[in-house]
């Protein structure tokens, strides 16, 4: 398939620049799997589509304040976007400056924090912070929340909370698992009371999630790598749901990718691994039955993923409907509830 097959025109005013006043105040577009029905709802209606015993899989990664600003010791402003923390002192980072920095270049973040560029790894730089502070502490003190490029404003103090799920636990992501941003504690308590099971995976979302596919044919695209962990408790919850005839509901494409990646080489098992899984139309899903997600960028791998999950033509109709009805798009936008396309032998 061609990348242009996943393109669409989006009015710029539909790109949400700020979150809704309340987390659960967004809209919800329900796309049925057994019919062509597309229904406009509110996110607070989500429990109506879930059954007691269904298991919701949340990605509990925590977004780090990955954006840093500094100056080369030789002069010149530098912007860094930490992609991955490697250990207490080193990280991989995108670097933006007027001239590509050379290896050994030193960058000053503050009067007390400097870093050194150690190596180039494809389009990333390996950097070392020359201070006794752990990388996470430096980012917390000097970094900014890494809002995605289509949010055309500087991160504000409110973003520290709103670009973070209420259940975030494990720091390491540089982009939020945005489907989870719609949940607040009362909604989670409501799901618990309704007999909906909650379980977690951890997938540290990388900046590559925003990169459009630039090759002509999608089969030539190389995915970025992301780390994920699946606890044994989550495996147990999925097995109990399967045994009782209930469904696995992925909250976000990151949860789905972690689960589907884990069954590529055998049965679903607990553990930690890396994935470059690229899900496109024709993929046969083995774990996830229902997907809660936001609306995705044109020509993006995530748009290809939801097209594989719900059917390309159905997703195209759903996106046209959402645009016609003025839905809010992308990270701070509205949500979709997708039922997996009915598979025929």
C-alpha atoms as a PDB file:
ATOM      1  CA  UNK A   1       0.000   0.000   0.000  1.00  0.00           C
ATOM      2  CA  UNK A   2       1.055   3.579  -0.566  1.00  0.00           C
ATOM      3  CA  UNK A   3       1.561   6.160   2.146  1.00  0.00           C
ATOM      4  CA  UNK A   4      -0.716   8.545   0.244  1.00  0.00           C
ATOM      5  CA  UNK A   5      -3.545   6.057   0.826  1.00  0.00           C
ATOM      6  CA  UNK A   6      -3.576   7.269   4.437  1.00  0.00           C
ATOM      7  CA  UNK A   7      -3.688  10.986   3.814  1.00  0.00           C
ATOM      8  CA  UNK A   8      -6.577  13.329   4.583  1.00  0.00           C
ATOM      9  CA  UNK A   9      -7.239  17.062   4.779  1.00  0.00           C
ATOM     10  CA  UNK A  10      -7.742  18.379   8.304  1.00  0.00           C
ATOM     11  CA  UNK A  11      -8.887  21.971   8.974  1.00  0.00           C
ATOM     12  CA  UNK A  12      -6.216  23.470  11.260  1.00  0.00           C
ATOM     13  CA  UNK A  13      -8.840  24.802  13.664  1.00  0.00           C
ATOM     14  CA  UNK A  14      -9.757  21.217  14.603  1.00  0.00           C
ATOM     15  CA  UNK A  15      -6.284  20.541  16.053  1.00  0.00           C
ATOM     16  CA  UNK A  16      -6.791  20.882  19.818  1.00  0.00           C
ATOM     17  CA  UNK A  17      -4.309  23.353  21.257  1.00  0.00           C
ATOM     18  CA  UNK A  18      -5.523  23.004  24.858  1.00  0.00           C
ATOM     19  CA  UNK A  19      -7.153  20.197  26.829  1.00  0.00           C
ATOM     20  CA  UNK A  20     -10.870  20.301  27.599  1.00  0.00           C
ATOM     21  CA  UNK A  21     -11.907  21.941  30.854  1.00  0.00           C
ATOM     22  CA  UNK A  22     -12.338  18.526  32.464  1.00  0.00           C
ATOM     23  CA  UNK A  23     -10.658  15.272  31.466  1.00  0.00           C
ATOM     24  CA  UNK A  24     -13.926  13.443  30.797  1.00  0.00           C
ATOM     25  CA  UNK A  25     -15.554  16.363  28.931  1.00  0.00           C
ATOM     26  CA  UNK A  26     -14.437  15.147  25.499  1.00  0.00           C
ATOM     27  CA  UNK A  27     -16.609  13.549  22.852  1.00  0.00           C
ATOM     28  CA  UNK A  28     -16.542   9.868  21.942  1.00  0.00           C
ATOM     29  CA  UNK A  29     -17.088   8.496  18.447  1.00  0.00           C
ATOM     30  CA  UNK A  30     -18.172   4.861  18.562  1.00  0.00           C
ATOM     31  CA  UNK A  31     -17.316   2.752  15.507  1.00  0.00           C
ATOM     32  CA  UNK A  32     -19.060  -0.630  15.574  1.00  0.00           C
ATOM     33  CA  UNK A  33     -17.258  -3.763  14.420  1.00  0.00           C
ATOM     34  CA  UNK A  34     -20.300  -5.808  13.374  1.00  0.00           C
ATOM     35  CA  UNK A  35     -21.985  -3.099  11.284  1.00  0.00           C
ATOM     36  CA  UNK A  36     -21.323   0.206   9.537  1.00  0.00           C
ATOM     37  CA  UNK A  37     -22.784   2.198  12.422  1.00  0.00           C
ATOM     38  CA  UNK A  38     -20.915   5.298  13.618  1.00  0.00           C
ATOM     39  CA  UNK A  39     -22.386   6.980  16.711  1.00  0.00           C
ATOM     40  CA  UNK A  40     -21.699  10.343  18.344  1.00  0.00           C
ATOM     41  CA  UNK A  41     -21.459  10.049  22.123  1.00  0.00           C
ATOM     42  CA  UNK A  42     -19.724  11.668  25.085  1.00  0.00           C
ATOM     43  CA  UNK A  43     -16.708  10.123  26.799  1.00  0.00           C
ATOM     44  CA  UNK A  44     -18.766   9.749  29.965  1.00  0.00           C
ATOM     45  CA  UNK A  45     -20.869   7.211  28.013  1.00  0.00           C
ATOM     46  CA  UNK A  46     -17.905   4.821  27.779  1.00  0.00           C
ATOM     47  CA  UNK A  47     -19.168   2.438  30.536  1.00  0.00           C
ATOM     48  CA  UNK A  48     -22.262   1.707  28.424  1.00  0.00           C
ATOM     49  CA  UNK A  49     -20.032  -0.049  25.873  1.00  0.00           C
ATOM     50  CA  UNK A  50     -18.222  -2.211  28.423  1.00  0.00           C
ATOM     51  CA  UNK A  51     -19.326  -5.419  30.113  1.00  0.00           C
ATOM     52  CA  UNK A  52     -18.574  -6.681  33.642  1.00  0.00           C
ATOM     53  CA  UNK A  53     -15.479  -8.831  33.336  1.00  0.00           C
ATOM     54  CA  UNK A  54     -14.013  -6.919  30.373  1.00  0.00           C
ATOM     55  CA  UNK A  55     -10.400  -5.965  31.057  1.00  0.00           C
ATOM     56  CA  UNK A  56      -9.099  -2.482  30.232  1.00  0.00           C
ATOM     57  CA  UNK A  57      -5.354  -2.312  29.599  1.00  0.00           C
ATOM     58  CA  UNK A  58      -3.835   1.063  30.514  1.00  0.00           C
ATOM     59  CA  UNK A  59      -0.316   2.251  29.695  1.00  0.00           C
ATOM     60  CA  UNK A  60       1.055   3.569  32.994  1.00  0.00           C
ATOM     61  CA  UNK A  61       4.168   5.222  31.574  1.00  0.00           C
ATOM     62  CA  UNK A  62       4.930   8.693  32.905  1.00  0.00           C
ATOM     63  CA  UNK A  63       5.957  11.563  30.618  1.00  0.00           C
ATOM     64  CA  UNK A  64       9.278  13.119  31.560  1.00  0.00           C
ATOM     65  CA  UNK A  65      10.094  16.808  31.123  1.00  0.00           C
ATOM     66  CA  UNK A  66      12.198  15.914  28.131  1.00  0.00           C
ATOM     67  CA  UNK A  67      12.654  19.325  26.457  1.00  0.00           C
ATOM     68  CA  UNK A  68      15.773  21.270  27.479  1.00  0.00           C
ATOM     69  CA  UNK A  69      17.246  24.552  26.296  1.00  0.00           C
ATOM     70  CA  UNK A  70      20.898  25.492  26.544  1.00  0.00           C
ATOM     71  CA  UNK A  71      23.915  27.074  24.873  1.00  0.00           C
ATOM     72  CA  UNK A  72      27.095  25.640  23.443  1.00  0.00           C
ATOM     73  CA  UNK A  73      30.160  26.761  25.370  1.00  0.00           C
ATOM     74  CA  UNK A  74      31.366  28.139  22.045  1.00  0.00           C
ATOM     75  CA  UNK A  75      28.111  30.101  21.661  1.00  0.00           C
ATOM     76  CA  UNK A  76      24.811  29.339  19.955  1.00  0.00           C
ATOM     77  CA  UNK A  77      21.437  28.261  21.284  1.00  0.00           C
ATOM     78  CA  UNK A  78      20.568  24.564  21.456  1.00  0.00           C
ATOM     79  CA  UNK A  79      17.283  22.741  21.988  1.00  0.00           C
ATOM     80  CA  UNK A  80      17.320  19.131  23.140  1.00  0.00           C
ATOM     81  CA  UNK A  81      14.520  16.578  23.213  1.00  0.00           C
ATOM     82  CA  UNK A  82      15.519  13.590  25.300  1.00  0.00           C
ATOM     83  CA  UNK A  83      14.339  10.438  23.532  1.00  0.00           C
ATOM     84  CA  UNK A  84      15.515   7.848  26.025  1.00  0.00           C
ATOM     85  CA  UNK A  85      17.309   7.806  29.378  1.00  0.00           C
ATOM     86  CA  UNK A  86      20.057   5.194  29.249  1.00  0.00           C
ATOM     87  CA  UNK A  87      21.326   5.332  32.836  1.00  0.00           C
ATOM     88  CA  UNK A  88      21.873   7.809  35.667  1.00  0.00           C
ATOM     89  CA  UNK A  89      24.067  10.076  33.535  1.00  0.00           C
ATOM     90  CA  UNK A  90      23.515   9.291  29.856  1.00  0.00           C
ATOM     91  CA  UNK A  91      20.632   9.682  27.421  1.00  0.00           C
ATOM     92  CA  UNK A  92      19.785   9.671  23.734  1.00  0.00           C
ATOM     93  CA  UNK A  93      18.545  13.002  22.445  1.00  0.00           C
ATOM     94  CA  UNK A  94      17.424  14.884  19.382  1.00  0.00           C
ATOM     95  CA  UNK A  95      19.358  18.154  19.121  1.00  0.00           C
ATOM     96  CA  UNK A  96      18.304  21.259  17.240  1.00  0.00           C
ATOM     97  CA  UNK A  97      20.821  24.026  16.645  1.00  0.00           C
ATOM     98  CA  UNK A  98      21.965  26.332  13.863  1.00  0.00           C
ATOM     99  CA  UNK A  99      24.801  23.918  13.028  1.00  0.00           C
ATOM    100  CA  UNK A 100      24.981  20.197  13.709  1.00  0.00           C
ATOM    101  CA  UNK A 101      27.039  19.788  16.871  1.00  0.00           C
ATOM    102  CA  UNK A 102      30.310  17.884  16.733  1.00  0.00           C
ATOM    103  CA  UNK A 103      31.249  15.044  19.012  1.00  0.00           C
ATOM    104  CA  UNK A 104      32.775  16.391  22.207  1.00  0.00           C
ATOM    105  CA  UNK A 105      30.721  19.581  22.063  1.00  0.00           C
ATOM    106  CA  UNK A 106      29.733  20.813  25.514  1.00  0.00           C
ATOM    107  CA  UNK A 107      26.368  22.372  26.208  1.00  0.00           C
ATOM    108  CA  UNK A 108      25.442  24.396  29.278  1.00  0.00           C
ATOM    109  CA  UNK A 109      21.903  23.981  30.594  1.00  0.00           C
ATOM    110  CA  UNK A 110      22.369  26.103  33.704  1.00  0.00           C
ATOM    111  CA  UNK A 111      25.156  27.539  35.837  1.00  0.00           C
ATOM    112  CA  UNK A 112      25.604  24.119  37.422  1.00  0.00           C
ATOM    113  CA  UNK A 113      24.565  21.673  34.687  1.00  0.00           C
ATOM    114  CA  UNK A 114      26.597  20.905  31.563  1.00  0.00           C
ATOM    115  CA  UNK A 115      26.525  17.977  29.179  1.00  0.00           C
ATOM    116  CA  UNK A 116      28.839  16.492  26.565  1.00  0.00           C
ATOM    117  CA  UNK A 117      27.936  14.990  23.197  1.00  0.00           C
ATOM    118  CA  UNK A 118      29.511  11.542  23.086  1.00  0.00           C
ATOM    119  CA  UNK A 119      28.347   9.930  19.841  1.00  0.00           C
ATOM    120  CA  UNK A 120      25.924  10.070  16.939  1.00  0.00           C
ATOM    121  CA  UNK A 121      23.410   7.221  16.630  1.00  0.00           C
ATOM    122  CA  UNK A 122      21.410   7.697  13.411  1.00  0.00           C
ATOM    123  CA  UNK A 123      19.391  10.894  13.967  1.00  0.00           C
ATOM    124  CA  UNK A 124      20.008  10.895  17.714  1.00  0.00           C
ATOM    125  CA  UNK A 125      22.941  11.968  19.867  1.00  0.00           C
ATOM    126  CA  UNK A 126      24.284  10.102  22.865  1.00  0.00           C
ATOM    127  CA  UNK A 127      24.887  12.651  25.594  1.00  0.00           C
ATOM    128  CA  UNK A 128      26.385  12.586  29.108  1.00  0.00           C
ATOM    129  CA  UNK A 129      25.386  14.965  31.881  1.00  0.00           C
ATOM    130  CA  UNK A 130      28.553  16.072  33.656  1.00  0.00           C
ATOM    131  CA  UNK A 131      27.063  16.415  37.121  1.00  0.00           C
ATOM    132  CA  UNK A 132      26.332  14.194  40.069  1.00  0.00           C
ATOM    133  CA  UNK A 133      22.561  14.557  39.638  1.00  0.00           C
ATOM    134  CA  UNK A 134      20.599  11.751  37.984  1.00  0.00           C
ATOM    135  CA  UNK A 135      19.209  12.587  34.548  1.00  0.00           C
ATOM    136  CA  UNK A 136      15.605  12.406  35.780  1.00  0.00           C
ATOM    137  CA  UNK A 137      16.308  14.948  38.529  1.00  0.00           C
ATOM    138  CA  UNK A 138      17.910  17.336  36.022  1.00  0.00           C
ATOM    139  CA  UNK A 139      14.929  17.058  33.695  1.00  0.00           C
ATOM    140  CA  UNK A 140      12.474  17.621  36.529  1.00  0.00           C
ATOM    141  CA  UNK A 141      14.329  20.756  37.576  1.00  0.00           C
ATOM    142  CA  UNK A 142      15.220  22.298  34.210  1.00  0.00           C
ATOM    143  CA  UNK A 143      13.114  20.537  31.589  1.00  0.00           C
ATOM    144  CA  UNK A 144       9.763  21.372  30.041  1.00  0.00           C
ATOM    145  CA  UNK A 145       6.876  19.065  29.166  1.00  0.00           C
ATOM    146  CA  UNK A 146       7.471  17.941  25.545  1.00  0.00           C
ATOM    147  CA  UNK A 147       4.207  18.948  23.889  1.00  0.00           C
ATOM    148  CA  UNK A 148       3.859  17.537  20.355  1.00  0.00           C
ATOM    149  CA  UNK A 149       4.820  19.725  17.382  1.00  0.00           C
ATOM    150  CA  UNK A 150       1.215  20.353  16.268  1.00  0.00           C
ATOM    151  CA  UNK A 151       0.473  22.140  19.559  1.00  0.00           C
ATOM    152  CA  UNK A 152       1.720  25.540  18.525  1.00  0.00           C
ATOM    153  CA  UNK A 153       2.441  27.071  21.901  1.00  0.00           C
ATOM    154  CA  UNK A 154       4.934  26.785  24.730  1.00  0.00           C
ATOM    155  CA  UNK A 155       4.154  24.307  27.477  1.00  0.00           C
ATOM    156  CA  UNK A 156       2.474  25.912  30.471  1.00  0.00           C
ATOM    157  CA  UNK A 157       2.305  24.860  34.112  1.00  0.00           C
ATOM    158  CA  UNK A 158      -1.138  23.280  33.569  1.00  0.00           C
ATOM    159  CA  UNK A 159       0.387  20.938  30.988  1.00  0.00           C
ATOM    160  CA  UNK A 160       2.523  19.337  33.690  1.00  0.00           C
ATOM    161  CA  UNK A 161      -0.656  17.684  34.964  1.00  0.00           C
ATOM    162  CA  UNK A 162      -2.921  17.581  31.913  1.00  0.00           C
ATOM    163  CA  UNK A 163      -0.338  16.039  29.534  1.00  0.00           C
ATOM    164  CA  UNK A 164      -0.062  13.173  32.009  1.00  0.00           C
ATOM    165  CA  UNK A 165      -2.511  10.407  32.837  1.00  0.00           C
ATOM    166  CA  UNK A 166      -3.851  10.295  36.397  1.00  0.00           C
ATOM    167  CA  UNK A 167      -2.447   6.755  36.749  1.00  0.00           C
ATOM    168  CA  UNK A 168       1.064   7.481  35.379  1.00  0.00           C
ATOM    169  CA  UNK A 169       3.693   5.657  37.436  1.00  0.00           C
ATOM    170  CA  UNK A 170       6.878   4.768  35.551  1.00  0.00           C
ATOM    171  CA  UNK A 171       8.849   7.725  34.092  1.00  0.00           C
ATOM    172  CA  UNK A 172      10.338   7.334  30.616  1.00  0.00           C
ATOM    173  CA  UNK A 173       7.915   8.538  27.920  1.00  0.00           C
ATOM    174  CA  UNK A 174       8.482  11.668  25.855  1.00  0.00           C
ATOM    175  CA  UNK A 175       4.905  11.688  24.594  1.00  0.00           C
ATOM    176  CA  UNK A 176       1.706  10.953  26.490  1.00  0.00           C
ATOM    177  CA  UNK A 177      -0.402   7.838  25.863  1.00  0.00           C
ATOM    178  CA  UNK A 178      -3.167  10.243  24.938  1.00  0.00           C
ATOM    179  CA  UNK A 179      -6.204   7.956  25.056  1.00  0.00           C
ATOM    180  CA  UNK A 180      -5.620   7.752  28.792  1.00  0.00           C
ATOM    181  CA  UNK A 181      -5.809  11.520  29.237  1.00  0.00           C
ATOM    182  CA  UNK A 182      -9.628  11.292  29.177  1.00  0.00           C
ATOM    183  CA  UNK A 183      -9.825   9.354  32.449  1.00  0.00           C
ATOM    184  CA  UNK A 184     -10.125  10.930  35.881  1.00  0.00           C
ATOM    185  CA  UNK A 185     -10.379   9.221  39.265  1.00  0.00           C
ATOM    186  CA  UNK A 186     -14.220   9.308  39.413  1.00  0.00           C
ATOM    187  CA  UNK A 187     -14.378   7.601  35.991  1.00  0.00           C
ATOM    188  CA  UNK A 188     -11.927   4.911  37.127  1.00  0.00           C
ATOM    189  CA  UNK A 189     -13.964   4.374  40.294  1.00  0.00           C
ATOM    190  CA  UNK A 190     -17.129   4.095  38.197  1.00  0.00           C
ATOM    191  CA  UNK A 191     -15.522   1.406  36.042  1.00  0.00           C
ATOM    192  CA  UNK A 192     -14.425  -0.494  39.150  1.00  0.00           C
ATOM    193  CA  UNK A 193     -17.949  -0.383  40.563  1.00  0.00           C
ATOM    194  CA  UNK A 194     -19.320  -1.700  37.246  1.00  0.00           C
ATOM    195  CA  UNK A 195     -17.102  -4.785  37.422  1.00  0.00           C
ATOM    196  CA  UNK A 196     -14.683  -3.643  34.706  1.00  0.00           C
ATOM    197  CA  UNK A 197     -11.195  -4.992  35.354  1.00  0.00           C
ATOM    198  CA  UNK A 198      -8.197  -2.672  35.147  1.00  0.00           C
ATOM    199  CA  UNK A 199      -4.695  -3.843  34.278  1.00  0.00           C
ATOM    200  CA  UNK A 200      -1.516  -2.125  33.095  1.00  0.00           C
ATOM    201  CA  UNK A 201       1.368  -2.354  30.710  1.00  0.00           C
ATOM    202  CA  UNK A 202       4.243   0.104  30.456  1.00  0.00           C
ATOM    203  CA  UNK A 203       5.381   1.323  27.047  1.00  0.00           C
ATOM    204  CA  UNK A 204       7.641   4.370  27.047  1.00  0.00           C
ATOM    205  CA  UNK A 205       6.326   6.367  24.096  1.00  0.00           C
ATOM    206  CA  UNK A 206       9.093   7.812  21.919  1.00  0.00           C
ATOM    207  CA  UNK A 207       9.169  10.995  19.865  1.00  0.00           C
ATOM    208  CA  UNK A 208       9.023   8.830  16.749  1.00  0.00           C
ATOM    209  CA  UNK A 209       5.297   8.454  17.329  1.00  0.00           C
ATOM    210  CA  UNK A 210       4.847  11.908  15.733  1.00  0.00           C
ATOM    211  CA  UNK A 211       7.030  11.274  12.705  1.00  0.00           C
ATOM    212  CA  UNK A 212       5.090  10.875   9.460  1.00  0.00           C
ATOM    213  CA  UNK A 213       5.845   8.011   7.118  1.00  0.00           C
ATOM    214  CA  UNK A 214       8.055   9.530   4.421  1.00  0.00           C
ATOM    215  CA  UNK A 215       8.534   6.568   2.091  1.00  0.00           C
ATOM    216  CA  UNK A 216       6.262   6.025  -0.912  1.00  0.00           C
ATOM    217  CA  UNK A 217       5.276   2.480   0.031  1.00  0.00           C
ATOM    218  CA  UNK A 218       4.476   1.701   3.650  1.00  0.00           C
ATOM    219  CA  UNK A 219       6.289  -1.637   3.463  1.00  0.00           C
ATOM    220  CA  UNK A 220       9.569   0.318   3.226  1.00  0.00           C
ATOM    221  CA  UNK A 221       9.010   2.238   6.469  1.00  0.00           C
ATOM    222  CA  UNK A 222      11.293   1.452   9.434  1.00  0.00           C
ATOM    223  CA  UNK A 223       9.617   1.867  12.817  1.00  0.00           C
ATOM    224  CA  UNK A 224      11.254   3.500  15.811  1.00  0.00           C
ATOM    225  CA  UNK A 225      11.973   1.232  18.762  1.00  0.00           C
ATOM    226  CA  UNK A 226      10.162   1.493  22.087  1.00  0.00           C
ATOM    227  CA  UNK A 227      10.555  -0.344  25.400  1.00  0.00           C
ATOM    228  CA  UNK A 228       7.643  -2.099  27.031  1.00  0.00           C
ATOM    229  CA  UNK A 229       6.922  -4.195  30.102  1.00  0.00           C
ATOM    230  CA  UNK A 230       3.956  -6.507  30.692  1.00  0.00           C
ATOM    231  CA  UNK A 231       3.420  -7.657  34.311  1.00  0.00           C
ATOM    232  CA  UNK A 232       2.256 -11.171  35.140  1.00  0.00           C
ATOM    233  CA  UNK A 233      -0.860  -9.693  36.786  1.00  0.00           C
ATOM    234  CA  UNK A 234      -1.898  -8.316  33.387  1.00  0.00           C
ATOM    235  CA  UNK A 235      -1.386 -11.682  31.701  1.00  0.00           C
ATOM    236  CA  UNK A 236      -3.538 -13.280  34.413  1.00  0.00           C
ATOM    237  CA  UNK A 237      -6.306 -10.669  33.942  1.00  0.00           C
ATOM    238  CA  UNK A 238      -6.358 -11.260  30.177  1.00  0.00           C
ATOM    239  CA  UNK A 239      -6.503 -15.032  30.613  1.00  0.00           C
ATOM    240  CA  UNK A 240      -9.415 -14.728  33.064  1.00  0.00           C
ATOM    241  CA  UNK A 241     -11.274 -12.441  30.646  1.00  0.00           C
ATOM    242  CA  UNK A 242     -10.750 -14.883  27.794  1.00  0.00           C
ATOM    243  CA  UNK A 243     -11.892 -17.818  29.915  1.00  0.00           C
ATOM    244  CA  UNK A 244     -15.132 -16.026  30.856  1.00  0.00           C
ATOM    245  CA  UNK A 245     -15.897 -14.860  27.299  1.00  0.00           C
ATOM    246  CA  UNK A 246     -15.025 -11.234  27.996  1.00  0.00           C
ATOM    247  CA  UNK A 247     -13.043  -8.781  25.931  1.00  0.00           C
ATOM    248  CA  UNK A 248      -9.617  -7.153  26.072  1.00  0.00           C
ATOM    249  CA  UNK A 249      -9.919  -3.384  25.640  1.00  0.00           C
ATOM    250  CA  UNK A 250      -6.705  -1.480  24.916  1.00  0.00           C
ATOM    251  CA  UNK A 251      -6.662   2.090  26.193  1.00  0.00           C
ATOM    252  CA  UNK A 252      -4.554   3.629  23.450  1.00  0.00           C
ATOM    253  CA  UNK A 253      -2.459   2.369  20.572  1.00  0.00           C
ATOM    254  CA  UNK A 254       0.573   2.079  22.871  1.00  0.00           C
ATOM    255  CA  UNK A 255      -1.174  -0.506  25.061  1.00  0.00           C
ATOM    256  CA  UNK A 256      -2.251  -2.363  21.932  1.00  0.00           C
ATOM    257  CA  UNK A 257       1.255  -2.310  20.453  1.00  0.00           C
ATOM    258  CA  UNK A 258       2.777  -3.696  23.655  1.00  0.00           C
ATOM    259  CA  UNK A 259       0.277  -6.569  23.804  1.00  0.00           C
ATOM    260  CA  UNK A 260       0.476  -7.456  20.125  1.00  0.00           C
ATOM    261  CA  UNK A 261       4.271  -7.216  20.142  1.00  0.00           C
ATOM    262  CA  UNK A 262       4.439  -9.674  23.002  1.00  0.00           C
ATOM    263  CA  UNK A 263       2.714 -12.437  20.995  1.00  0.00           C
ATOM    264  CA  UNK A 264       4.826 -12.167  17.852  1.00  0.00           C
ATOM    265  CA  UNK A 265       7.096 -15.047  18.875  1.00  0.00           C
ATOM    266  CA  UNK A 266       4.717 -17.208  20.879  1.00  0.00           C
ATOM    267  CA  UNK A 267       2.089 -17.063  23.623  1.00  0.00           C
ATOM    268  CA  UNK A 268       1.469 -13.886  25.601  1.00  0.00           C
ATOM    269  CA  UNK A 269       3.971 -13.847  28.444  1.00  0.00           C
ATOM    270  CA  UNK A 270       5.117 -11.355  31.032  1.00  0.00           C
ATOM    271  CA  UNK A 271       8.410  -9.538  30.750  1.00  0.00           C
ATOM    272  CA  UNK A 272      10.299  -6.600  29.300  1.00  0.00           C
ATOM    273  CA  UNK A 273      11.327  -6.170  25.686  1.00  0.00           C
ATOM    274  CA  UNK A 274      11.751  -3.761  22.768  1.00  0.00           C
ATOM    275  CA  UNK A 275       9.399  -3.509  19.823  1.00  0.00           C
ATOM    276  CA  UNK A 276       9.385  -2.068  16.338  1.00  0.00           C
ATOM    277  CA  UNK A 277       6.031  -3.629  15.491  1.00  0.00           C
ATOM    278  CA  UNK A 278       4.384  -1.951  12.497  1.00  0.00           C
ATOM    279  CA  UNK A 279       0.697  -2.784  12.258  1.00  0.00           C
ATOM    280  CA  UNK A 280      -0.876  -2.174   8.856  1.00  0.00           C
ATOM    281  CA  UNK A 281      -4.029  -3.411   7.068  1.00  0.00           C
ATOM    282  CA  UNK A 282      -3.896  -7.177   6.755  1.00  0.00           C
ATOM    283  CA  UNK A 283      -2.446  -7.681  10.241  1.00  0.00           C
ATOM    284  CA  UNK A 284      -4.239 -10.374  12.263  1.00  0.00           C
ATOM    285  CA  UNK A 285      -4.827  -9.230  15.841  1.00  0.00           C
ATOM    286  CA  UNK A 286      -4.326 -11.870  18.506  1.00  0.00           C
ATOM    287  CA  UNK A 287      -4.980 -10.069  21.809  1.00  0.00           C
ATOM    288  CA  UNK A 288      -7.040  -6.874  21.573  1.00  0.00           C
ATOM    289  CA  UNK A 289     -10.781  -6.835  20.828  1.00  0.00           C
ATOM    290  CA  UNK A 290     -11.654  -3.160  21.390  1.00  0.00           C
ATOM    291  CA  UNK A 291      -9.500  -0.041  21.112  1.00  0.00           C
ATOM    292  CA  UNK A 292     -10.008   3.350  22.738  1.00  0.00           C
ATOM    293  CA  UNK A 293      -7.912   5.927  20.932  1.00  0.00           C
ATOM    294  CA  UNK A 294      -7.674   9.542  19.840  1.00  0.00           C
ATOM    295  CA  UNK A 295      -7.660  10.781  16.226  1.00  0.00           C
ATOM    296  CA  UNK A 296      -4.299  10.450  14.496  1.00  0.00           C
ATOM    297  CA  UNK A 297      -2.083  12.384  12.094  1.00  0.00           C
ATOM    298  CA  UNK A 298      -2.331  11.965   8.316  1.00  0.00           C
ATOM    299  CA  UNK A 299       0.190   9.489   6.860  1.00  0.00           C
ATOM    300  CA  UNK A 300       1.065   8.278  10.366  1.00  0.00           C
ATOM    301  CA  UNK A 301       1.785   4.732  11.502  1.00  0.00           C
ATOM    302  CA  UNK A 302      -1.018   5.071  14.049  1.00  0.00           C
ATOM    303  CA  UNK A 303      -3.569   5.902  11.359  1.00  0.00           C
ATOM    304  CA  UNK A 304      -2.407   2.747   9.583  1.00  0.00           C
ATOM    305  CA  UNK A 305      -2.811   0.801  12.827  1.00  0.00           C
ATOM    306  CA  UNK A 306      -6.430   1.875  13.413  1.00  0.00           C
ATOM    307  CA  UNK A 307      -7.178   1.185   9.730  1.00  0.00           C
ATOM    308  CA  UNK A 308      -5.941  -2.357  10.279  1.00  0.00           C
ATOM    309  CA  UNK A 309      -8.015  -2.698  13.444  1.00  0.00           C
ATOM    310  CA  UNK A 310     -11.384  -1.316  12.337  1.00  0.00           C
ATOM    311  CA  UNK A 311     -11.087  -1.475   8.544  1.00  0.00           C
ATOM    312  CA  UNK A 312      -9.638   1.164   6.242  1.00  0.00           C
ATOM    313  CA  UNK A 313     -12.902   2.213   4.610  1.00  0.00           C
ATOM    314  CA  UNK A 314     -14.652   2.422   7.967  1.00  0.00           C
ATOM    315  CA  UNK A 315     -11.879   4.591   9.428  1.00  0.00           C
ATOM    316  CA  UNK A 316     -12.023   6.880   6.399  1.00  0.00           C
ATOM    317  CA  UNK A 317     -15.772   7.329   6.906  1.00  0.00           C
ATOM    318  CA  UNK A 318     -15.309   7.878  10.629  1.00  0.00           C
ATOM    319  CA  UNK A 319     -12.668  10.554  10.075  1.00  0.00           C
ATOM    320  CA  UNK A 320     -14.816  12.332   7.478  1.00  0.00           C
ATOM    321  CA  UNK A 321     -17.707  12.262   9.924  1.00  0.00           C
ATOM    322  CA  UNK A 322     -15.526  13.573  12.757  1.00  0.00           C
ATOM    323  CA  UNK A 323     -14.300  16.461  10.600  1.00  0.00           C
ATOM    324  CA  UNK A 324     -17.832  17.294   9.474  1.00  0.00           C
ATOM    325  CA  UNK A 325     -19.022  17.266  13.085  1.00  0.00           C
ATOM    326  CA  UNK A 326     -16.154  19.384  14.380  1.00  0.00           C
ATOM    327  CA  UNK A 327     -14.429  16.809  16.587  1.00  0.00           C
ATOM    328  CA  UNK A 328     -11.156  17.923  18.209  1.00  0.00           C
ATOM    329  CA  UNK A 329      -8.098  16.090  16.884  1.00  0.00           C
ATOM    330  CA  UNK A 330      -4.824  14.713  18.219  1.00  0.00           C
ATOM    331  CA  UNK A 331      -3.358  14.643  21.742  1.00  0.00           C
ATOM    332  CA  UNK A 332      -5.724  17.032  23.522  1.00  0.00           C
ATOM    333  CA  UNK A 333      -8.641  16.117  21.272  1.00  0.00           C
ATOM    334  CA  UNK A 334     -11.629  13.790  21.398  1.00  0.00           C
ATOM    335  CA  UNK A 335     -11.712   9.994  21.490  1.00  0.00           C
ATOM    336  CA  UNK A 336     -12.845   7.054  19.362  1.00  0.00           C
ATOM    337  CA  UNK A 337     -13.998   3.648  20.547  1.00  0.00           C
ATOM    338  CA  UNK A 338     -13.212   1.088  17.854  1.00  0.00           C
ATOM    339  CA  UNK A 339     -14.445  -2.465  17.771  1.00  0.00           C
ATOM    340  CA  UNK A 340     -12.197  -4.824  15.857  1.00  0.00           C
ATOM    341  CA  UNK A 341     -13.347  -5.539  12.339  1.00  0.00           C
ATOM    342  CA  UNK A 342     -15.182  -8.833  12.054  1.00  0.00           C
ATOM    343  CA  UNK A 343     -12.755 -11.307  10.510  1.00  0.00           C
ATOM    344  CA  UNK A 344     -13.949 -13.743   7.861  1.00  0.00           C
ATOM    345  CA  UNK A 345     -12.162 -16.965   7.022  1.00  0.00           C
END
